[in-house]
Protein backbone atom coordinates (compact mmCIF):
# COMPACT_ATOMS: atom_id res chain seq x y z
CA MET A 1 165.71 15.01 -34.78
CA PHE A 2 162.52 16.57 -36.04
CA ASP A 3 164.50 19.22 -37.67
CA LEU A 4 166.91 17.05 -39.31
CA ASN A 5 164.04 14.76 -40.84
CA ARG A 6 162.37 17.90 -42.16
CA TYR A 7 165.72 19.24 -43.62
CA ILE A 8 166.55 16.11 -45.31
CA GLY A 9 162.95 15.61 -46.52
CA LYS A 10 162.90 18.83 -48.25
CA SER A 11 166.37 18.74 -49.70
CA ASP A 12 166.92 17.26 -53.19
CA HIS A 13 170.51 18.54 -53.38
CA PHE A 14 172.05 15.46 -51.84
CA LYS A 15 171.42 13.59 -55.40
CA GLN A 16 173.53 15.89 -56.94
CA LEU A 17 176.58 15.57 -54.56
CA ASN A 18 179.41 13.00 -55.22
CA THR A 19 180.67 13.30 -51.51
CA TYR A 20 178.99 14.86 -48.43
CA ARG A 21 179.13 14.57 -44.79
CA LEU A 22 175.90 15.21 -42.71
CA HIS A 23 176.88 15.41 -39.20
CA VAL A 24 174.49 16.07 -36.20
CA GLY A 25 175.94 16.67 -32.65
CA GLY A 26 179.40 17.06 -31.45
CA TYR A 27 182.69 15.43 -32.71
CA LEU A 28 184.04 12.51 -30.84
CA TYR A 29 187.48 12.40 -32.58
CA GLU A 30 189.28 14.91 -34.59
CA TYR A 31 189.90 12.21 -37.40
CA GLN A 32 186.21 11.97 -38.09
CA VAL A 33 186.24 15.55 -39.60
CA ALA A 34 187.95 14.47 -42.84
CA VAL A 35 185.73 13.82 -45.75
CA TYR A 36 187.05 11.07 -48.13
CA ALA A 37 186.35 10.93 -51.88
CA TYR A 38 184.29 7.68 -51.44
CA GLU A 39 181.87 9.05 -48.52
CA LYS A 40 178.37 9.98 -48.56
CA LYS A 41 178.04 9.86 -44.77
CA ALA A 42 175.90 10.68 -41.93
CA VAL A 43 177.26 10.87 -38.29
CA LEU A 44 174.99 11.19 -35.34
CA THR A 45 176.51 11.94 -31.92
CA ASN A 46 174.65 12.61 -28.64
CA CYS A 47 171.20 12.54 -30.19
CA CYS A 48 167.94 11.17 -29.00
CA LEU A 49 166.65 8.82 -31.54
CA TYR A 50 163.18 7.76 -30.31
CA ARG A 51 161.50 8.40 -33.90
CA LEU A 52 161.96 7.38 -37.51
CA LEU A 53 165.31 8.59 -38.73
CA VAL A 54 165.15 9.94 -42.36
CA LEU A 55 168.23 9.75 -44.23
CA PRO A 56 169.26 10.39 -47.93
CA ASP A 57 168.61 7.40 -50.11
CA ILE A 58 172.15 7.42 -51.51
CA ILE A 59 173.90 7.45 -48.11
CA SER A 60 176.83 5.03 -48.19
CA HIS A 61 178.06 5.29 -44.60
CA LEU A 62 175.98 5.69 -41.15
CA GLU A 63 177.71 6.39 -37.71
CA ILE A 64 175.76 6.60 -34.54
CA HIS A 65 177.74 7.32 -31.43
CA SER A 66 176.73 8.07 -27.73
CA CYS A 67 172.84 8.26 -28.84
CA HIS A 68 169.82 7.50 -26.79
CA ILE A 69 168.21 4.84 -29.16
CA TYR A 70 166.34 1.56 -28.27
CA ASN A 71 165.97 0.20 -31.98
CA LEU A 72 167.54 1.43 -35.25
CA GLN A 73 164.61 2.84 -37.13
CA LEU A 74 165.66 4.11 -40.57
CA CYS A 75 164.08 5.45 -43.79
CA GLY A 76 165.07 6.78 -46.99
CA VAL A 77 163.88 10.18 -47.96
CA GLU A 78 162.27 8.98 -51.17
CA LYS A 79 160.17 6.57 -49.10
CA GLU A 80 159.47 8.79 -46.22
CA ARG A 81 155.83 9.35 -47.02
CA HIS A 82 154.91 5.71 -47.15
CA CYS A 83 157.66 4.09 -45.14
CA ALA A 84 157.43 2.62 -41.60
CA PRO A 85 160.61 1.97 -39.68
CA LEU A 86 162.88 -0.64 -41.18
CA GLY A 87 162.45 -4.04 -39.57
CA VAL A 88 158.89 -3.14 -37.90
CA THR A 89 156.43 -3.30 -40.99
CA ALA A 90 156.76 -3.67 -44.75
CA THR A 91 159.18 -1.27 -46.19
CA PRO A 92 159.58 -0.31 -50.05
CA PRO A 93 162.25 -2.33 -51.71
CA GLY A 94 165.54 -0.26 -52.35
CA THR A 95 165.33 1.79 -49.37
CA LEU A 96 168.86 2.60 -48.28
CA SER A 97 170.15 -0.10 -50.55
CA ASN A 98 173.34 1.85 -50.93
CA LEU A 99 174.43 1.77 -47.37
CA LYS A 100 177.82 0.08 -47.25
CA GLU A 101 178.97 0.82 -43.70
CA LEU A 102 177.16 0.66 -40.47
CA GLU A 103 179.04 1.77 -37.16
CA ILE A 104 177.26 1.99 -33.70
CA SER A 105 179.17 2.90 -30.63
CA MET A 106 178.48 3.65 -26.94
CA CYS A 107 174.63 3.48 -27.45
CA GLN A 108 173.82 2.10 -23.87
CA LYS A 109 170.08 1.51 -24.26
CA MET A 110 170.27 -0.48 -27.55
CA LYS A 111 169.63 -4.13 -27.20
CA LYS A 112 169.26 -5.27 -30.86
CA LEU A 113 170.93 -3.83 -34.03
CA LEU A 114 169.15 -5.20 -36.95
CA THR A 115 166.09 -7.18 -37.86
CA PRO A 116 165.66 -9.69 -40.94
CA ARG A 117 163.41 -7.25 -42.68
CA MET A 118 165.99 -4.69 -42.41
CA LEU A 119 168.57 -6.88 -43.93
CA GLU A 120 166.33 -7.12 -47.12
CA ASN A 121 166.88 -3.40 -47.53
CA LEU A 122 170.76 -3.34 -46.96
CA PRO A 123 171.90 -5.86 -49.58
CA ASN A 124 175.20 -3.83 -50.17
CA LEU A 125 176.23 -3.65 -46.64
CA GLU A 126 180.06 -4.38 -46.33
CA THR A 127 180.83 -3.49 -42.77
CA ILE A 128 179.29 -3.95 -39.40
CA ARG A 129 181.03 -2.33 -36.48
CA VAL A 130 179.48 -2.23 -32.98
CA GLU A 131 181.45 -1.38 -29.90
CA HIS A 132 180.96 -0.37 -26.29
CA CYS A 133 177.09 -0.90 -26.45
CA TYR A 134 176.93 -2.67 -23.17
CA LYS A 135 173.34 -3.61 -23.22
CA MET A 136 173.51 -4.91 -26.83
CA GLU A 137 172.01 -8.53 -26.83
CA GLU A 138 171.71 -9.45 -30.36
CA ILE A 139 173.07 -8.24 -33.73
CA ILE A 140 170.23 -9.64 -35.83
CA GLY A 141 166.97 -9.74 -33.56
CA ASP A 142 163.67 -11.45 -33.92
CA GLU A 143 161.21 -9.26 -35.82
CA GLU A 144 158.54 -9.93 -33.15
CA ASP A 145 161.10 -8.70 -30.39
CA GLU A 146 160.95 -5.24 -31.63
CA LEU A 147 159.83 -2.42 -29.10
CA MET A 148 157.66 -0.90 -31.60
CA GLY A 149 157.02 -4.10 -33.58
CA THR A 150 153.85 -5.86 -34.83
CA SER A 151 153.11 -9.42 -35.67
CA ASN A 152 155.25 -10.52 -38.79
CA ASN A 153 152.32 -11.41 -41.40
CA HIS A 154 154.87 -11.63 -44.29
CA PRO A 155 157.59 -14.22 -44.42
CA SER A 156 161.13 -12.72 -44.84
CA SER A 157 162.93 -13.71 -47.94
CA SER A 158 166.07 -13.55 -45.66
CA SER A 159 164.80 -16.81 -43.99
CA SER A 160 164.42 -20.33 -45.10
CA SER A 161 161.80 -21.28 -42.55
CA SER A 162 159.72 -20.07 -39.63
CA SER A 163 162.15 -21.69 -37.07
CA SER A 164 164.74 -19.45 -35.85
CA SER A 165 167.10 -22.28 -35.52
CA SER A 166 166.98 -22.79 -39.21
CA THR A 167 166.77 -19.35 -40.47
CA ILE A 168 169.45 -18.30 -43.04
CA PHE A 169 170.41 -14.58 -43.11
CA THR A 170 172.19 -13.53 -46.31
CA LEU A 171 174.65 -10.64 -46.22
CA PRO A 172 176.12 -11.19 -49.70
CA ASN A 173 178.56 -8.23 -49.62
CA LEU A 174 179.57 -8.25 -46.01
CA ARG A 175 183.44 -7.99 -45.69
CA LEU A 176 184.13 -6.91 -42.14
CA LEU A 177 182.26 -7.77 -38.97
CA GLU A 178 183.76 -5.94 -35.76
CA LEU A 179 182.21 -6.60 -32.35
CA TYR A 180 184.01 -4.89 -29.42
CA TYR A 181 183.20 -4.63 -25.73
CA LEU A 182 179.53 -5.93 -25.83
CA LEU A 183 179.34 -7.13 -22.38
CA GLU A 184 175.81 -8.66 -22.65
CA LEU A 185 175.88 -9.89 -26.36
CA GLU A 186 174.55 -13.48 -26.49
CA SER A 187 173.74 -14.02 -30.05
CA ILE A 188 174.94 -12.75 -33.45
CA CYS A 189 171.70 -14.22 -34.88
CA LYS A 190 169.60 -17.37 -33.86
CA GLY A 191 169.89 -19.01 -37.32
CA LEU A 192 172.95 -19.04 -39.67
CA MET A 193 174.55 -16.16 -41.85
CA VAL A 194 175.71 -16.87 -45.30
CA CYS A 195 178.32 -14.26 -45.86
CA ASP A 196 180.34 -15.34 -49.07
CA SER A 197 182.33 -12.20 -49.17
CA LEU A 198 183.21 -12.12 -45.42
CA GLU A 199 187.16 -11.52 -45.03
CA ILE A 200 187.71 -10.49 -41.54
CA ILE A 201 185.90 -11.12 -38.12
CA CYS A 202 187.17 -9.14 -35.07
CA ILE A 203 185.76 -9.95 -31.68
CA ARG A 204 186.99 -8.46 -28.31
CA VAL A 205 185.43 -8.82 -24.88
CA CYS A 206 182.04 -10.45 -26.04
CA ARG A 207 182.23 -13.21 -23.41
CA GLU A 208 178.51 -13.87 -23.37
CA LEU A 209 178.36 -14.83 -26.93
CA LYS A 210 177.83 -18.51 -27.31
CA ARG A 211 178.48 -19.18 -31.15
CA LEU A 212 179.65 -18.01 -34.39
CA PRO A 213 176.62 -18.52 -36.64
CA LEU A 214 178.75 -18.96 -39.93
CA SER A 215 177.20 -21.17 -42.80
CA LEU A 216 180.15 -23.15 -43.96
CA PRO A 217 180.07 -24.54 -47.44
CA LEU A 218 180.09 -28.48 -47.48
CA VAL A 219 182.45 -30.45 -49.62
CA HIS A 220 181.64 -34.02 -49.64
CA GLY A 221 179.49 -33.43 -46.45
CA GLN A 222 182.20 -31.82 -44.47
CA PRO A 223 182.53 -28.13 -43.74
CA SER A 224 185.07 -25.85 -45.56
CA PRO A 225 186.06 -22.49 -44.71
CA PRO A 226 184.43 -19.47 -46.42
CA ALA A 227 186.16 -18.61 -49.97
CA ALA A 228 186.96 -15.05 -48.93
CA LEU A 229 187.89 -15.41 -45.34
CA LYS A 230 191.36 -14.19 -44.30
CA LYS A 231 191.38 -14.05 -40.52
CA ILE A 232 189.34 -14.22 -37.24
CA GLN A 233 190.92 -11.76 -34.90
CA ILE A 234 190.60 -12.44 -31.30
CA SER A 235 192.56 -11.33 -28.12
CA LYS A 236 194.91 -13.88 -26.66
CA ALA A 237 193.07 -13.41 -23.36
CA GLU A 238 189.89 -14.68 -24.94
CA GLU A 239 191.35 -18.18 -25.73
CA GLU A 240 189.11 -19.69 -22.96
CA TRP A 241 185.91 -18.17 -24.45
CA TRP A 242 187.01 -19.39 -27.91
CA GLU A 243 187.23 -22.92 -26.76
CA SER A 244 183.75 -22.73 -25.01
CA LEU A 245 182.00 -21.67 -28.27
CA GLU A 246 179.23 -23.97 -29.56
CA TRP A 247 179.38 -24.96 -33.30
CA ASP A 248 176.57 -26.06 -35.69
CA HIS A 249 178.90 -28.82 -37.23
CA PRO A 250 181.25 -30.88 -35.00
CA ASN A 251 184.20 -30.10 -37.33
CA ALA A 252 183.52 -26.37 -37.88
CA LYS A 253 185.81 -25.21 -35.05
CA ASP A 254 188.79 -27.32 -36.77
CA VAL A 255 188.03 -25.78 -40.15
CA LEU A 256 188.09 -22.08 -38.71
CA GLN A 257 191.04 -22.54 -36.45
CA PRO A 258 193.84 -21.81 -38.83
CA PHE A 259 192.40 -18.44 -39.66
CA LEU A 260 192.71 -17.32 -35.92
CA ASP A 261 194.82 -14.34 -35.63
CA TRP A 262 195.67 -13.80 -31.87
CA PHE A 263 196.56 -10.40 -30.73
């Protein structure tokens, strides 16, 4: 990874490319070889990610597969000289703000995906896809729980209070949330998620997950479905799990029930 960081840090030609695919490691599937017109993508497979990962600032898609990684630590190349790992200490505004799709699979040491501070730097994120990460416990974890973290001396703009139960996480452009085979996943986040653009939620075999932390808009004091929501896709075999979920409002389950798409 040192060679990758050095290469990206010294390369300015990424700014001049409309489309590129940066691949480190072996291919998992043949279909991943194709480069689509909209892609500015980095794919990492079978890598050891124990240090800061430097990426082109204009990257739009990031995939990490079968890597040895505890915490996701990213930095845009323009900020590298004065940038600490995202979610650990203060990170310059705009770092990796073009990232639209984040996909993580088969990273068996990873317990938390994002932190509140990381979300501040990912305002255009549209897709989160996590699968077969069997040690994953949280999608958005507490700042102080980071392996390399320090005390949080600066309040996050993504939170409305210091209490985790009342924290609001805003993902304004998130359209798709996919969580598959996360056997130890207990929490998407400890607060509430405001995702006004969210269209599809897909969950399969995440049976330790206790709640869906969606912030539902209130109309005359009663929750209403998110405006963009189209479906919540869940396996028919997970019906008992769905019935056991905890909700932040007693009527939230009834509001979301019509969007269930059993498969």
